[in-house]
Structures are given as C-alpha cells and as structure tokens.
Amino acid sequence: WQTMEAYSDPLRSWDDFKKEVLNFYPGALSRAEVMMDELLQVVATYQKKGVTSVSILNEFHREFMVVAKALMDQ
C-alpha cells in the first residue's frame, strides 16, 4: 500500500487512499458500495459543472437515474 499514489501524494485525502487500496483488491468493495460511489461522482460532476440549462439538467437526470435505478434494484 505504500507504493500507491494516494499514499505519497499530500494532496490526496484519506478517502482517496482508502478507495485506491480497496480497488486494488478485487471483491473488497460490494457492488452497492461501488455504485454508490458512482452515484456520488455523477452528483459531484454536475455540481462542479453547474446545471445552467434544461439540456444539462436532462443530461444529469439520465446519468443519475441509470446508476440510481441499478442501485435500487439490488
């Protein structure tokens, strides 16, 4: 784990490091945890990008619903 980028990069957070370690071990994260991370990433992307038009809102909604639906179906 000491060779991972998130370990030696002072700009990376504990969550970055933890995610990198868990991703290194297949099966360490449950599918629901991975999908929740994907859902949070969609939200973060559009939070940074800004929802400034109906077309961007529709784009966000489509991406959000794809991940949310899969998560709810588990």
Protein backbone atom coordinates (compact mmCIF):
# COMPACT_ATOMS: atom_id res chain seq x y z
CA TRP A 1 0.00 0.00 0.00
CA GLN A 2 2.96 2.33 0.45
CA THR A 3 3.55 2.28 -3.30
CA MET A 4 0.10 3.64 -4.11
CA GLU A 5 -0.13 7.20 -5.40
CA ALA A 6 -2.65 8.29 -2.77
CA TYR A 7 -0.23 7.25 -0.01
CA SER A 8 2.57 9.59 -1.03
CA ASP A 9 0.58 12.46 -2.55
CA PRO A 10 -0.12 15.07 0.15
CA LEU A 11 -2.97 16.50 -1.92
CA ARG A 12 -4.91 13.22 -1.79
CA SER A 13 -7.33 12.52 1.05
CA TRP A 14 -7.77 9.53 3.31
CA ASP A 15 -10.85 8.62 1.27
CA ASP A 16 -8.74 8.68 -1.92
CA PHE A 17 -6.21 6.37 -0.30
CA LYS A 18 -8.86 4.03 1.07
CA LYS A 19 -10.58 3.82 -2.31
CA GLU A 20 -7.29 3.08 -4.08
CA VAL A 21 -6.44 0.31 -1.61
CA LEU A 22 -9.89 -1.26 -1.83
CA ASN A 23 -9.84 -1.09 -5.63
CA PHE A 24 -6.52 -2.93 -5.57
CA TYR A 25 -8.24 -5.97 -4.05
CA PRO A 26 -10.98 -7.31 -6.33
CA GLY A 27 -14.14 -8.05 -4.42
CA ALA A 28 -13.17 -5.87 -1.46
CA LEU A 29 -16.00 -3.48 -2.20
CA SER A 30 -19.52 -4.69 -2.57
CA ARG A 31 -21.28 -3.79 -5.78
CA ALA A 32 -23.60 -1.46 -3.83
CA GLU A 33 -20.63 0.48 -2.44
CA VAL A 34 -19.12 0.85 -5.90
CA MET A 35 -22.43 2.00 -7.34
CA MET A 36 -22.93 4.49 -4.51
CA ASP A 37 -19.50 5.93 -5.32
CA GLU A 38 -20.57 6.18 -8.97
CA LEU A 39 -23.76 7.97 -7.95
CA LEU A 40 -21.83 10.44 -5.80
CA GLN A 41 -19.44 11.01 -8.70
CA VAL A 42 -22.32 11.89 -11.04
CA VAL A 43 -23.62 14.39 -8.48
CA ALA A 44 -20.16 15.89 -7.92
CA THR A 45 -19.56 16.23 -11.65
CA TYR A 46 -22.73 18.21 -12.21
CA GLN A 47 -22.23 20.22 -9.05
CA LYS A 48 -18.89 21.42 -10.45
CA LYS A 49 -20.20 21.78 -13.99
CA GLY A 50 -23.33 23.60 -12.94
CA VAL A 51 -26.82 22.93 -14.17
CA THR A 52 -27.40 26.01 -16.26
CA SER A 53 -29.89 24.78 -18.82
CA VAL A 54 -32.68 22.30 -19.30
CA SER A 55 -30.49 20.18 -21.57
CA ILE A 56 -27.79 19.90 -18.88
CA LEU A 57 -30.47 19.08 -16.30
CA ASN A 58 -31.79 16.32 -18.58
CA GLU A 59 -28.25 15.00 -19.07
CA PHE A 60 -27.73 14.90 -15.29
CA HIS A 61 -31.10 13.23 -14.75
CA ARG A 62 -30.32 10.49 -17.30
CA GLU A 63 -26.90 9.73 -15.81
CA PHE A 64 -28.22 9.85 -12.24
CA MET A 65 -31.16 7.56 -12.98
CA VAL A 66 -29.04 4.91 -14.70
CA VAL A 67 -26.93 4.47 -11.57
CA ALA A 68 -29.75 5.07 -9.07
CA LYS A 69 -32.02 2.50 -10.73
CA ALA A 70 -29.30 -0.14 -10.73
CA LEU A 71 -28.60 0.63 -7.07
CA MET A 72 -32.28 0.38 -6.12
CA ASP A 73 -32.61 -2.94 -7.96
CA GLN A 74 -30.01 -4.59 -5.74
